[in-house]
Amino acid sequence: MAPQGIRSDPEVMMGKPVVEGTRVTVESILEELGAGRTIEDLLEAHPRLTREGVLAAVRFGAKVLRADVAYPFSKSVA
């Protein structure tokens, strides 16, 4: 299987970034990992997802957060 990257298409999941070849959003991967699920859990739940796809989602999230944008929060979100 070819390495999975991140794609955004207005006709797939309303244009949210997804792992290529799936309908699994970067957002859902980051939420699941943050909730304590493992990469293996995600791979089992989404058969078309690969380890590289999960790691691509994490890299994408980090890259987006490196942008020079302020994120005001009135209370803790972690």
Protein backbone atom coordinates (compact mmCIF):
# COMPACT_ATOMS: atom_id res chain seq x y z
CA MET A 1 0.00 0.00 0.00
CA ALA A 2 1.27 3.50 -0.87
CA PRO A 3 2.12 5.87 1.99
CA GLN A 4 -0.89 7.85 3.18
CA GLY A 5 -0.80 11.62 3.29
CA ILE A 6 -3.35 14.25 4.28
CA ARG A 7 -5.89 15.57 1.77
CA SER A 8 -8.70 18.11 1.88
CA ASP A 9 -11.56 17.81 -0.61
CA PRO A 10 -14.81 19.77 -0.26
CA GLU A 11 -16.70 16.63 -1.26
CA VAL A 12 -15.18 14.47 1.49
CA MET A 13 -16.09 15.17 5.13
CA MET A 14 -17.04 18.78 4.26
CA GLY A 15 -13.44 19.56 3.30
CA LYS A 16 -11.90 18.68 6.66
CA PRO A 17 -8.38 17.28 6.33
CA VAL A 18 -8.53 13.48 6.13
CA VAL A 19 -6.00 10.70 5.76
CA GLU A 20 -5.73 10.00 2.04
CA GLY A 21 -7.87 7.10 0.88
CA THR A 22 -10.09 7.25 3.96
CA ARG A 23 -12.81 9.37 5.51
CA VAL A 24 -10.90 9.51 8.80
CA THR A 25 -10.31 13.14 9.78
CA VAL A 26 -7.12 14.49 11.30
CA GLU A 27 -9.34 15.95 14.02
CA SER A 28 -10.74 12.54 14.99
CA ILE A 29 -7.30 10.93 15.04
CA LEU A 30 -5.91 13.63 17.33
CA GLU A 31 -8.97 13.43 19.60
CA GLU A 32 -8.71 9.65 19.86
CA LEU A 33 -4.98 9.71 20.60
CA GLY A 34 -5.55 12.47 23.16
CA ALA A 35 -8.20 10.32 24.82
CA GLY A 36 -5.66 7.55 25.31
CA ARG A 37 -6.36 5.26 22.37
CA THR A 38 -3.28 3.75 20.77
CA ILE A 39 -2.27 3.72 17.12
CA GLU A 40 -3.08 0.01 17.14
CA ASP A 41 -6.61 0.81 18.40
CA LEU A 42 -7.09 3.23 15.51
CA LEU A 43 -5.77 0.75 12.95
CA GLU A 44 -8.15 -1.91 14.24
CA ALA A 45 -11.14 0.48 14.13
CA HIS A 46 -10.32 1.78 10.64
CA PRO A 47 -9.03 -1.01 8.36
CA ARG A 48 -8.02 1.36 5.52
CA LEU A 49 -5.92 3.49 7.87
CA THR A 50 -2.18 2.80 8.15
CA ARG A 51 0.39 3.64 10.79
CA GLU A 52 1.91 6.13 8.32
CA GLY A 53 -1.51 7.75 7.92
CA VAL A 54 -1.85 8.24 11.68
CA LEU A 55 1.66 9.70 11.88
CA ALA A 56 0.90 11.97 8.91
CA ALA A 57 -2.13 13.28 10.82
CA VAL A 58 0.00 14.03 13.88
CA ARG A 59 2.62 15.81 11.76
CA PHE A 60 -0.13 17.80 10.03
CA GLY A 61 -1.58 18.87 13.39
CA ALA A 62 1.84 20.01 14.61
CA LYS A 63 2.46 21.94 11.39
CA VAL A 64 -0.89 23.72 11.61
CA LEU A 65 -0.21 24.72 15.23
CA ARG A 66 3.17 26.19 14.24
CA ALA A 67 1.32 28.92 12.31
CA ASP A 68 1.52 32.39 13.84
CA VAL A 69 -2.00 32.41 15.24
CA ALA A 70 -3.21 33.26 18.74
CA TYR A 71 -5.49 30.69 20.37
CA PRO A 72 -7.30 32.46 23.24
CA PHE A 73 -8.84 30.07 25.76
CA SER A 74 -10.72 31.23 28.80
CA LYS A 75 -10.15 27.92 30.61
CA SER A 76 -8.04 24.81 30.31
CA VAL A 77 -8.87 22.52 27.40
CA ALA A 78 -6.43 19.74 28.17
